[in-house]
Amino acid sequence: DAVGKWQVVDSSPDFKVQLVQDWPDFTIQYVENWPGL
């Protein structure tokens, strides 16, 4: 319920993501603390 918090699901997602190496729409870094911008 906050920026950067993702719950991985197999159905009924809020949005779908494809992992790529080239030409991403944006980049992410997995963190344990302080998710967000």
PDB file of all heavy atoms in Angstrom:
ATOM      1  N   ASP A   1       0.784  -1.226   0.000  1.00  0.00           N
ATOM      2  CA  ASP A   1       0.000   0.000   0.000  1.00  0.00           C
ATOM      3  C   ASP A   1       0.819   1.281   0.000  1.00  0.00           C
ATOM      4  O   ASP A   1       0.326   2.336   0.363  1.00  0.00           O
ATOM      5  CB  ASP A   1      -0.948  -0.010   1.198  1.00  0.00           C
ATOM      6  CG  ASP A   1      -0.197  -0.182   2.516  1.00  0.00           C
ATOM      7  OD1 ASP A   1       1.047  -0.328   2.493  1.00  0.00           O
ATOM      8  OD2 ASP A   1      -0.857  -0.183   3.562  1.00  0.00           O
ATOM      9  N   ALA A   2       2.091   1.190  -0.400  1.00  0.00           N
ATOM     10  CA  ALA A   2       2.923   2.386  -0.449  1.00  0.00           C
ATOM     11  C   ALA A   2       3.884   2.264  -1.633  1.00  0.00           C
ATOM     12  O   ALA A   2       4.141   1.171  -2.130  1.00  0.00           O
ATOM     13  CB  ALA A   2       3.698   2.557   0.855  1.00  0.00           C
ATOM     14  N   VAL A   3       4.421   3.384  -2.048  1.00  0.00           N
ATOM     15  CA  VAL A   3       5.312   3.424  -3.205  1.00  0.00           C
ATOM     16  C   VAL A   3       6.445   2.415  -3.047  1.00  0.00           C
ATOM     17  O   VAL A   3       7.116   2.376  -2.016  1.00  0.00           O
ATOM     18  CB  VAL A   3       5.898   4.837  -3.378  1.00  0.00           C
ATOM     19  CG1 VAL A   3       6.851   4.871  -4.568  1.00  0.00           C
ATOM     20  CG2 VAL A   3       4.792   5.845  -3.560  1.00  0.00           C
ATOM     21  N   GLY A   4       6.619   1.561  -4.050  1.00  0.00           N
ATOM     22  CA  GLY A   4       7.705   0.590  -4.047  1.00  0.00           C
ATOM     23  C   GLY A   4       7.389  -0.727  -3.368  1.00  0.00           C
ATOM     24  O   GLY A   4       8.212  -1.630  -3.389  1.00  0.00           O
ATOM     25  N   LYS A   5       6.218  -0.856  -2.770  1.00  0.00           N
ATOM     26  CA  LYS A   5       5.840  -2.137  -2.161  1.00  0.00           C
ATOM     27  C   LYS A   5       5.070  -2.961  -3.183  1.00  0.00           C
ATOM     28  O   LYS A   5       4.019  -2.536  -3.660  1.00  0.00           O
ATOM     29  CB  LYS A   5       4.992  -1.922  -0.900  1.00  0.00           C
ATOM     30  CG  LYS A   5       5.779  -1.370   0.257  1.00  0.00           C
ATOM     31  CD  LYS A   5       4.936  -1.347   1.512  1.00  0.00           C
ATOM     32  CE  LYS A   5       5.734  -0.867   2.706  1.00  0.00           C
ATOM     33  NZ  LYS A   5       4.936  -0.874   3.932  1.00  0.00           N
ATOM     34  N   TRP A   6       5.637  -4.113  -3.528  1.00  0.00           N
ATOM     35  CA  TRP A   6       5.024  -4.994  -4.510  1.00  0.00           C
ATOM     36  C   TRP A   6       4.699  -6.329  -3.887  1.00  0.00           C
ATOM     37  O   TRP A   6       5.526  -6.927  -3.208  1.00  0.00           O
ATOM     38  CB  TRP A   6       5.967  -5.230  -5.690  1.00  0.00           C
ATOM     39  CG  TRP A   6       6.198  -4.046  -6.580  1.00  0.00           C
ATOM     40  CD1 TRP A   6       5.795  -2.769  -6.391  1.00  0.00           C
ATOM     41  CD2 TRP A   6       6.921  -4.048  -7.811  1.00  0.00           C
ATOM     42  NE1 TRP A   6       6.205  -1.963  -7.415  1.00  0.00           N
ATOM     43  CE2 TRP A   6       6.915  -2.735  -8.312  1.00  0.00           C
ATOM     44  CE3 TRP A   6       7.578  -5.032  -8.536  1.00  0.00           C
ATOM     45  CZ2 TRP A   6       7.527  -2.386  -9.504  1.00  0.00           C
ATOM     46  CZ3 TRP A   6       8.192  -4.683  -9.718  1.00  0.00           C
ATOM     47  CH2 TRP A   6       8.159  -3.373 -10.206  1.00  0.00           C
ATOM     48  N   GLN A   7       3.489  -6.813  -4.125  1.00  0.00           N
ATOM     49  CA  GLN A   7       3.086  -8.158  -3.730  1.00  0.00           C
ATOM     50  C   GLN A   7       2.979  -8.980  -5.010  1.00  0.00           C
ATOM     51  O   GLN A   7       2.191  -8.655  -5.900  1.00  0.00           O
ATOM     52  CB  GLN A   7       1.747  -8.136  -2.993  1.00  0.00           C
ATOM     53  CG  GLN A   7       1.276  -9.517  -2.558  1.00  0.00           C
ATOM     54  CD  GLN A   7      -0.069  -9.474  -1.852  1.00  0.00           C
ATOM     55  OE1 GLN A   7      -0.672  -8.432  -1.660  1.00  0.00           O
ATOM     56  NE2 GLN A   7      -0.552 -10.640  -1.482  1.00  0.00           N
ATOM     57  N   VAL A   8       3.787 -10.020  -5.127  1.00  0.00           N
ATOM     58  CA  VAL A   8       3.802 -10.842  -6.339  1.00  0.00           C
ATOM     59  C   VAL A   8       2.613 -11.799  -6.314  1.00  0.00           C
ATOM     60  O   VAL A   8       2.403 -12.508  -5.330  1.00  0.00           O
ATOM     61  CB  VAL A   8       5.132 -11.623  -6.454  1.00  0.00           C
ATOM     62  CG1 VAL A   8       5.134 -12.497  -7.699  1.00  0.00           C
ATOM     63  CG2 VAL A   8       6.317 -10.662  -6.470  1.00  0.00           C
ATOM     64  N   VAL A   9       1.837 -11.778  -7.408  1.00  0.00           N
ATOM     65  CA  VAL A   9       0.650 -12.631  -7.520  1.00  0.00           C
ATOM     66  C   VAL A   9       0.673 -13.370  -8.853  1.00  0.00           C
ATOM     67  O   VAL A   9       1.398 -12.994  -9.777  1.00  0.00           O
ATOM     68  CB  VAL A   9      -0.651 -11.804  -7.395  1.00  0.00           C
ATOM     69  CG1 VAL A   9      -0.761 -11.160  -6.031  1.00  0.00           C
ATOM     70  CG2 VAL A   9      -0.767 -10.772  -8.499  1.00  0.00           C
ATOM     71  N   ASP A  10      -0.135 -14.428  -8.955  1.00  0.00           N
ATOM     72  CA  ASP A  10      -0.260 -15.190 -10.188  1.00  0.00           C
ATOM     73  C   ASP A  10      -1.502 -14.819 -10.991  1.00  0.00           C
ATOM     74  O   ASP A  10      -1.633 -15.217 -12.143  1.00  0.00           O
ATOM     75  CB  ASP A  10      -0.288 -16.693  -9.883  1.00  0.00           C
ATOM     76  CG  ASP A  10       1.040 -17.185  -9.352  1.00  0.00           C
ATOM     77  OD1 ASP A  10       2.095 -16.689  -9.793  1.00  0.00           O
ATOM     78  OD2 ASP A  10       1.030 -18.077  -8.479  1.00  0.00           O
ATOM     79  N   SER A  11      -2.410 -14.081 -10.359  1.00  0.00           N
ATOM     80  CA  SER A  11      -3.624 -13.668 -11.065  1.00  0.00           C
ATOM     81  C   SER A  11      -4.149 -12.371 -10.472  1.00  0.00           C
ATOM     82  O   SER A  11      -3.800 -11.998  -9.354  1.00  0.00           O
ATOM     83  CB  SER A  11      -4.689 -14.761 -10.981  1.00  0.00           C
ATOM     84  OG  SER A  11      -5.045 -14.987  -9.635  1.00  0.00           O
ATOM     85  N   SER A  12      -4.980 -11.695 -11.225  1.00  0.00           N
ATOM     86  CA  SER A  12      -5.608 -10.430 -10.820  1.00  0.00           C
ATOM     87  C   SER A  12      -4.592  -9.380 -10.347  1.00  0.00           C
ATOM     88  O   SER A  12      -4.757  -8.795  -9.282  1.00  0.00           O
ATOM     89  CB  SER A  12      -6.647 -10.681  -9.727  1.00  0.00           C
ATOM     90  OG  SER A  12      -7.631 -11.575 -10.177  1.00  0.00           O
ATOM     91  N   PRO A  13      -3.555  -9.110 -11.161  1.00  0.00           N
ATOM     92  CA  PRO A  13      -2.578  -8.103 -10.749  1.00  0.00           C
ATOM     93  C   PRO A  13      -3.091  -6.683 -10.967  1.00  0.00           C
ATOM     94  O   PRO A  13      -3.999  -6.463 -11.782  1.00  0.00           O
ATOM     95  CB  PRO A  13      -1.394  -8.377 -11.678  1.00  0.00           C
ATOM     96  CG  PRO A  13      -2.046  -8.855 -12.937  1.00  0.00           C
ATOM     97  CD  PRO A  13      -3.233  -9.686 -12.465  1.00  0.00           C
ATOM     98  N   ASP A  14      -2.494  -5.740 -10.259  1.00  0.00           N
ATOM     99  CA  ASP A  14      -2.743  -4.328 -10.530  1.00  0.00           C
ATOM    100  C   ASP A  14      -1.978  -3.911 -11.791  1.00  0.00           C
ATOM    101  O   ASP A  14      -2.412  -3.024 -12.523  1.00  0.00           O
ATOM    102  CB  ASP A  14      -2.306  -3.461  -9.348  1.00  0.00           C
ATOM    103  CG  ASP A  14      -3.137  -3.743  -8.107  1.00  0.00           C
ATOM    104  OD1 ASP A  14      -4.367  -3.920  -8.244  1.00  0.00           O
ATOM    105  OD2 ASP A  14      -2.569  -3.792  -7.007  1.00  0.00           O
ATOM    106  N   PHE A  15      -0.815  -4.531 -12.011  1.00  0.00           N
ATOM    107  CA  PHE A  15      -0.035  -4.284 -13.215  1.00  0.00           C
ATOM    108  C   PHE A  15       0.873  -5.478 -13.485  1.00  0.00           C
ATOM    109  O   PHE A  15       1.139  -6.274 -12.594  1.00  0.00           O
ATOM    110  CB  PHE A  15       0.772  -2.982 -13.121  1.00  0.00           C
ATOM    111  CG  PHE A  15       1.700  -2.893 -11.951  1.00  0.00           C
ATOM    112  CD1 PHE A  15       3.054  -3.182 -12.093  1.00  0.00           C
ATOM    113  CD2 PHE A  15       1.247  -2.496 -10.701  1.00  0.00           C
ATOM    114  CE1 PHE A  15       3.921  -3.088 -11.018  1.00  0.00           C
ATOM    115  CE2 PHE A  15       2.103  -2.394  -9.617  1.00  0.00           C
ATOM    116  CZ  PHE A  15       3.449  -2.695  -9.780  1.00  0.00           C
ATOM    117  N   LYS A  16       1.320  -5.595 -14.756  1.00  0.00           N
ATOM    118  CA  LYS A  16       2.168  -6.706 -15.171  1.00  0.00           C
ATOM    119  C   LYS A  16       3.536  -6.180 -15.580  1.00  0.00           C
ATOM    120  O   LYS A  16       3.630  -5.127 -16.225  1.00  0.00           O
ATOM    121  CB  LYS A  16       1.534  -7.462 -16.341  1.00  0.00           C
ATOM    122  CG  LYS A  16       0.222  -8.133 -15.979  1.00  0.00           C
ATOM    123  CD  LYS A  16      -0.377  -8.866 -17.155  1.00  0.00           C
ATOM    124  CE  LYS A  16      -1.012  -7.860 -18.092  1.00  0.00           C
ATOM    125  NZ  LYS A  16      -1.763  -8.466 -19.190  1.00  0.00           N
ATOM    126  N   VAL A  17       4.575  -6.932 -15.216  1.00  0.00           N
ATOM    127  CA  VAL A  17       5.956  -6.523 -15.462  1.00  0.00           C
ATOM    128  C   VAL A  17       6.694  -7.630 -16.197  1.00  0.00           C
ATOM    129  O   VAL A  17       6.541  -8.807 -15.869  1.00  0.00           O
ATOM    130  CB  VAL A  17       6.660  -6.207 -14.114  1.00  0.00           C
ATOM    131  CG1 VAL A  17       8.158  -6.121 -14.273  1.00  0.00           C
ATOM    132  CG2 VAL A  17       6.104  -4.934 -13.518  1.00  0.00           C
ATOM    133  N   GLN A  18       7.488  -7.232 -17.170  1.00  0.00           N
ATOM    134  CA  GLN A  18       8.394  -8.158 -17.852  1.00  0.00           C
ATOM    135  C   GLN A  18       9.815  -7.705 -17.540  1.00  0.00           C
ATOM    136  O   GLN A  18      10.145  -6.527 -17.689  1.00  0.00           O
ATOM    137  CB  GLN A  18       8.166  -8.134 -19.361  1.00  0.00           C
ATOM    138  CG  GLN A  18       9.098  -9.062 -20.125  1.00  0.00           C
ATOM    139  CD  GLN A  18       8.863  -9.005 -21.629  1.00  0.00           C
ATOM    140  OE1 GLN A  18       8.085  -8.196 -22.129  1.00  0.00           O
ATOM    141  NE2 GLN A  18       9.544  -9.861 -22.358  1.00  0.00           N
ATOM    142  N   LEU A  19      10.651  -8.642 -17.088  1.00  0.00           N
ATOM    143  CA  LEU A  19      12.048  -8.327 -16.814  1.00  0.00           C
ATOM    144  C   LEU A  19      12.832  -8.358 -18.117  1.00  0.00           C
ATOM    145  O   LEU A  19      12.740  -9.320 -18.879  1.00  0.00           O
ATOM    146  CB  LEU A  19      12.631  -9.316 -15.805  1.00  0.00           C
ATOM    147  CG  LEU A  19      11.961  -9.325 -14.434  1.00  0.00           C
ATOM    148  CD1 LEU A  19      12.586 -10.393 -13.548  1.00  0.00           C
ATOM    149  CD2 LEU A  19      12.040  -7.962 -13.771  1.00  0.00           C
ATOM    150  N   VAL A  20      13.589  -7.294 -18.371  1.00  0.00           N
ATOM    151  CA  VAL A  20      14.367  -7.177 -19.598  1.00  0.00           C
ATOM    152  C   VAL A  20      15.781  -6.709 -19.275  1.00  0.00           C
ATOM    153  O   VAL A  20      16.037  -6.168 -18.192  1.00  0.00           O
ATOM    154  CB  VAL A  20      13.711  -6.193 -20.598  1.00  0.00           C
ATOM    155  CG1 VAL A  20      12.341  -6.684 -21.024  1.00  0.00           C
ATOM    156  CG2 VAL A  20      13.615  -4.788 -20.023  1.00  0.00           C
ATOM    157  N   GLN A  21      16.683  -6.904 -20.212  1.00  0.00           N
ATOM    158  CA  GLN A  21      18.050  -6.375 -20.089  1.00  0.00           C
ATOM    159  C   GLN A  21      18.215  -5.078 -20.867  1.00  0.00           C
ATOM    160  O   GLN A  21      19.016  -4.226 -20.505  1.00  0.00           O
ATOM    161  CB  GLN A  21      19.063  -7.414 -20.576  1.00  0.00           C
ATOM    162  CG  GLN A  21      19.228  -8.582 -19.642  1.00  0.00           C
ATOM    163  CD  GLN A  21      19.737  -8.160 -18.273  1.00  0.00           C
ATOM    164  OE1 GLN A  21      20.686  -7.381 -18.158  1.00  0.00           O
ATOM    165  NE2 GLN A  21      19.096  -8.638 -17.224  1.00  0.00           N
ATOM    166  N   ASP A  22      17.468  -4.950 -21.956  1.00  0.00           N
ATOM    167  CA  ASP A  22      17.607  -3.785 -22.824  1.00  0.00           C
ATOM    168  C   ASP A  22      16.287  -3.045 -22.962  1.00  0.00           C
ATOM    169  O   ASP A  22      15.222  -3.644 -22.961  1.00  0.00           O
ATOM    170  CB  ASP A  22      18.074  -4.233 -24.214  1.00  0.00           C
ATOM    171  CG  ASP A  22      19.418  -4.931 -24.161  1.00  0.00           C
ATOM    172  OD1 ASP A  22      20.346  -4.397 -23.534  1.00  0.00           O
ATOM    173  OD2 ASP A  22      19.529  -6.028 -24.743  1.00  0.00           O
ATOM    174  N   TRP A  23      16.380  -1.732 -23.083  1.00  0.00           N
ATOM    175  CA  TRP A  23      15.236  -0.860 -23.331  1.00  0.00           C
ATOM    176  C   TRP A  23      14.131  -0.966 -22.280  1.00  0.00           C
ATOM    177  O   TRP A  23      12.961  -1.128 -22.606  1.00  0.00           O
ATOM    178  CB  TRP A  23      14.661  -1.106 -24.723  1.00  0.00           C
ATOM    179  CG  TRP A  23      15.703  -1.109 -25.792  1.00  0.00           C
ATOM    180  CD1 TRP A  23      16.144  -2.197 -26.481  1.00  0.00           C
ATOM    181  CD2 TRP A  23      16.472  -0.002 -26.260  1.00  0.00           C
ATOM    182  NE1 TRP A  23      17.140  -1.823 -27.357  1.00  0.00           N
ATOM    183  CE2 TRP A  23      17.352  -0.482 -27.241  1.00  0.00           C
ATOM    184  CE3 TRP A  23      16.501   1.361 -25.933  1.00  0.00           C
ATOM    185  CZ2 TRP A  23      18.251   0.341 -27.909  1.00  0.00           C
ATOM    186  CZ3 TRP A  23      17.400   2.173 -26.598  1.00  0.00           C
ATOM    187  CH2 TRP A  23      18.254   1.671 -27.575  1.00  0.00           C
ATOM    188  N   PRO A  24      14.488  -0.884 -20.995  1.00  0.00           N
ATOM    189  CA  PRO A  24      13.434  -0.912 -19.972  1.00  0.00           C
ATOM    190  C   PRO A  24      12.666   0.405 -19.932  1.00  0.00           C
ATOM    191  O   PRO A  24      13.186   1.446 -20.334  1.00  0.00           O
ATOM    192  CB  PRO A  24      14.221  -1.114 -18.677  1.00  0.00           C
ATOM    193  CG  PRO A  24      15.526  -0.425 -18.943  1.00  0.00           C
ATOM    194  CD  PRO A  24      15.823  -0.717 -20.415  1.00  0.00           C
ATOM    195  N   ASP A  25      11.436   0.328 -19.441  1.00  0.00           N
ATOM    196  CA  ASP A  25      10.668   1.550 -19.177  1.00  0.00           C
ATOM    197  C   ASP A  25      11.229   2.259 -17.954  1.00  0.00           C
ATOM    198  O   ASP A  25      11.204   3.491 -17.873  1.00  0.00           O
ATOM    199  CB  ASP A  25       9.191   1.221 -18.955  1.00  0.00           C
ATOM    200  CG  ASP A  25       8.536   0.634 -20.198  1.00  0.00           C
ATOM    201  OD1 ASP A  25       8.878   1.058 -21.325  1.00  0.00           O
ATOM    202  OD2 ASP A  25       7.694  -0.266 -20.046  1.00  0.00           O
ATOM    203  N   PHE A  26      11.722   1.468 -16.999  1.00  0.00           N
ATOM    204  CA  PHE A  26      12.391   2.012 -15.820  1.00  0.00           C
ATOM    205  C   PHE A  26      13.183   0.899 -15.148  1.00  0.00           C
ATOM    206  O   PHE A  26      13.037  -0.270 -15.485  1.00  0.00           O
ATOM    207  CB  PHE A  26      11.398   2.655 -14.836  1.00  0.00           C
ATOM    208  CG  PHE A  26      10.342   1.732 -14.296  1.00  0.00           C
ATOM    209  CD1 PHE A  26      10.521   1.085 -13.079  1.00  0.00           C
ATOM    210  CD2 PHE A  26       9.164   1.510 -14.978  1.00  0.00           C
ATOM    211  CE1 PHE A  26       9.551   0.236 -12.570  1.00  0.00           C
ATOM    212  CE2 PHE A  26       8.177   0.672 -14.481  1.00  0.00           C
ATOM    213  CZ  PHE A  26       8.375   0.029 -13.279  1.00  0.00           C
ATOM    214  N   THR A  27      14.048   1.289 -14.196  1.00  0.00           N
ATOM    215  CA  THR A  27      14.882   0.320 -13.494  1.00  0.00           C
ATOM    216  C   THR A  27      14.441   0.215 -12.037  1.00  0.00           C
ATOM    217  O   THR A  27      13.918   1.172 -11.467  1.00  0.00           O
ATOM    218  CB  THR A  27      16.373   0.719 -13.546  1.00  0.00           C
ATOM    219  OG1 THR A  27      16.538   1.999 -12.919  1.00  0.00           O
ATOM    220  CG2 THR A  27      16.878   0.764 -14.986  1.00  0.00           C
ATOM    221  N   ILE A  28      14.670  -0.983 -11.461  1.00  0.00           N
ATOM    222  CA  ILE A  28      14.344  -1.190 -10.047  1.00  0.00           C
ATOM    223  C   ILE A  28      15.542  -1.811  -9.334  1.00  0.00           C
ATOM    224  O   ILE A  28      16.398  -2.436  -9.961  1.00  0.00           O
ATOM    225  CB  ILE A  28      13.104  -2.086  -9.842  1.00  0.00           C
ATOM    226  CG1 ILE A  28      13.354  -3.520 -10.343  1.00  0.00           C
ATOM    227  CG2 ILE A  28      11.876  -1.475 -10.493  1.00  0.00           C
ATOM    228  CD1 ILE A  28      12.277  -4.517  -9.937  1.00  0.00           C
ATOM    229  N   GLN A  29      15.558  -1.609  -8.040  1.00  0.00           N
ATOM    230  CA  GLN A  29      16.523  -2.270  -7.158  1.00  0.00           C
ATOM    231  C   GLN A  29      15.713  -2.870  -6.019  1.00  0.00           C
ATOM    232  O   GLN A  29      14.876  -2.183  -5.418  1.00  0.00           O
ATOM    233  CB  GLN A  29      17.539  -1.270  -6.607  1.00  0.00           C
ATOM    234  CG  GLN A  29      18.514  -1.872  -5.615  1.00  0.00           C
ATOM    235  CD  GLN A  29      19.435  -0.807  -5.015  1.00  0.00           C
ATOM    236  OE1 GLN A  29      19.228   0.384  -5.167  1.00  0.00           O
ATOM    237  NE2 GLN A  29      20.456  -1.254  -4.328  1.00  0.00           N
ATOM    238  N   TYR A  30      15.938  -4.160  -5.748  1.00  0.00           N
ATOM    239  CA  TYR A  30      15.252  -4.790  -4.624  1.00  0.00           C
ATOM    240  C   TYR A  30      15.921  -4.354  -3.326  1.00  0.00           C
ATOM    241  O   TYR A  30      17.150  -4.342  -3.222  1.00  0.00           O
ATOM    242  CB  TYR A  30      15.290  -6.313  -4.736  1.00  0.00           C
ATOM    243  CG  TYR A  30      14.357  -6.865  -5.788  1.00  0.00           C
ATOM    244  CD1 TYR A  30      14.843  -7.589  -6.862  1.00  0.00           C
ATOM    245  CD2 TYR A  30      12.980  -6.672  -5.696  1.00  0.00           C
ATOM    246  CE1 TYR A  30      13.985  -8.108  -7.831  1.00  0.00           C
ATOM    247  CE2 TYR A  30      12.117  -7.187  -6.659  1.00  0.00           C
ATOM    248  CZ  TYR A  30      12.631  -7.891  -7.709  1.00  0.00           C
ATOM    249  OH  TYR A  30      11.778  -8.397  -8.660  1.00  0.00           O
ATOM    250  N   VAL A  31      15.111  -3.981  -2.338  1.00  0.00           N
ATOM    251  CA  VAL A  31      15.610  -3.539  -1.034  1.00  0.00           C
ATOM    252  C   VAL A  31      14.819  -4.211   0.077  1.00  0.00           C
ATOM    253  O   VAL A  31      13.695  -4.678  -0.138  1.00  0.00           O
ATOM    254  CB  VAL A  31      15.514  -1.997  -0.876  1.00  0.00           C
ATOM    255  CG1 VAL A  31      16.399  -1.288  -1.889  1.00  0.00           C
ATOM    256  CG2 VAL A  31      14.080  -1.505  -0.986  1.00  0.00           C
ATOM    257  N   GLU A  32      15.410  -4.266   1.244  1.00  0.00           N
ATOM    258  CA  GLU A  32      14.718  -4.775   2.432  1.00  0.00           C
ATOM    259  C   GLU A  32      14.082  -3.634   3.225  1.00  0.00           C
ATOM    260  O   GLU A  32      13.115  -3.833   3.940  1.00  0.00           O
ATOM    261  CB  GLU A  32      15.707  -5.540   3.324  1.00  0.00           C
ATOM    262  CG  GLU A  32      16.135  -6.872   2.750  1.00  0.00           C
ATOM    263  CD  GLU A  32      14.974  -7.853   2.577  1.00  0.00           C
ATOM    264  OE1 GLU A  32      14.132  -7.953   3.498  1.00  0.00           O
ATOM    265  OE2 GLU A  32      14.899  -8.484   1.511  1.00  0.00           O
ATOM    266  N   ASN A  33      14.676  -2.450   3.120  1.00  0.00           N
ATOM    267  CA  ASN A  33      14.205  -1.282   3.870  1.00  0.00           C
ATOM    268  C   ASN A  33      14.077  -0.077   2.953  1.00  0.00           C
ATOM    269  O   ASN A  33      14.797   0.041   1.965  1.00  0.00           O
ATOM    270  CB  ASN A  33      15.187  -0.956   4.999  1.00  0.00           C
ATOM    271  CG  ASN A  33      15.338  -2.100   5.967  1.00  0.00           C
ATOM    272  OD1 ASN A  33      14.367  -2.551   6.557  1.00  0.00           O
ATOM    273  ND2 ASN A  33      16.553  -2.611   6.096  1.00  0.00           N
ATOM    274  N   TRP A  34      13.201   0.803   3.298  1.00  0.00           N
ATOM    275  CA  TRP A  34      13.007   2.082   2.624  1.00  0.00           C
ATOM    276  C   TRP A  34      12.726   1.944   1.142  1.00  0.00           C
ATOM    277  O   TRP A  34      13.453   2.487   0.299  1.00  0.00           O
ATOM    278  CB  TRP A  34      14.204   3.006   2.865  1.00  0.00           C
ATOM    279  CG  TRP A  34      14.408   3.267   4.313  1.00  0.00           C
ATOM    280  CD1 TRP A  34      13.596   4.011   5.124  1.00  0.00           C
ATOM    281  CD2 TRP A  34      15.463   2.773   5.136  1.00  0.00           C
ATOM    282  NE1 TRP A  34      14.090   4.005   6.398  1.00  0.00           N
ATOM    283  CE2 TRP A  34      15.252   3.252   6.437  1.00  0.00           C
ATOM    284  CE3 TRP A  34      16.562   1.977   4.899  1.00  0.00           C
ATOM    285  CZ2 TRP A  34      16.083   2.961   7.493  1.00  0.00           C
ATOM    286  CZ3 TRP A  34      17.411   1.686   5.948  1.00  0.00           C
ATOM    287  CH2 TRP A  34      17.162   2.187   7.231  1.00  0.00           C
ATOM    288  N   PRO A  35      11.644   1.228   0.762  1.00  0.00           N
ATOM    289  CA  PRO A  35      11.259   1.192  -0.642  1.00  0.00           C
ATOM    290  C   PRO A  35      10.709   2.549  -1.075  1.00  0.00           C
ATOM    291  O   PRO A  35      10.343   3.377  -0.236  1.00  0.00           O
ATOM    292  CB  PRO A  35      10.167   0.118  -0.673  1.00  0.00           C
ATOM    293  CG  PRO A  35       9.552   0.178   0.689  1.00  0.00           C
ATOM    294  CD  PRO A  35      10.694   0.490   1.616  1.00  0.00           C
ATOM    295  N   GLY A  36      10.669   2.747  -2.363  1.00  0.00           N
ATOM    296  CA  GLY A  36      10.089   3.974  -2.899  1.00  0.00           C
ATOM    297  C   GLY A  36      11.039   4.666  -3.852  1.00  0.00           C
ATOM    298  O   GLY A  36      11.966   4.059  -4.395  1.00  0.00           O
ATOM    299  N   LEU A  37      10.808   5.932  -4.028  1.00  0.00           N
ATOM    300  CA  LEU A  37      11.646   6.719  -4.928  1.00  0.00           C
ATOM    301  C   LEU A  37      12.956   7.041  -4.229  1.00  0.00           C
ATOM    302  O   LEU A  37      12.952   7.428  -3.065  1.00  0.00           O
ATOM    303  CB  LEU A  37      10.909   7.990  -5.342  1.00  0.00           C
ATOM    304  CG  LEU A  37       9.587   7.749  -6.085  1.00  0.00           C
ATOM    305  CD1 LEU A  37       8.856   9.063  -6.288  1.00  0.00           C
ATOM    306  CD2 LEU A  37       9.833   7.073  -7.412  1.00  0.00           C
TER     307      LEU A  37
END
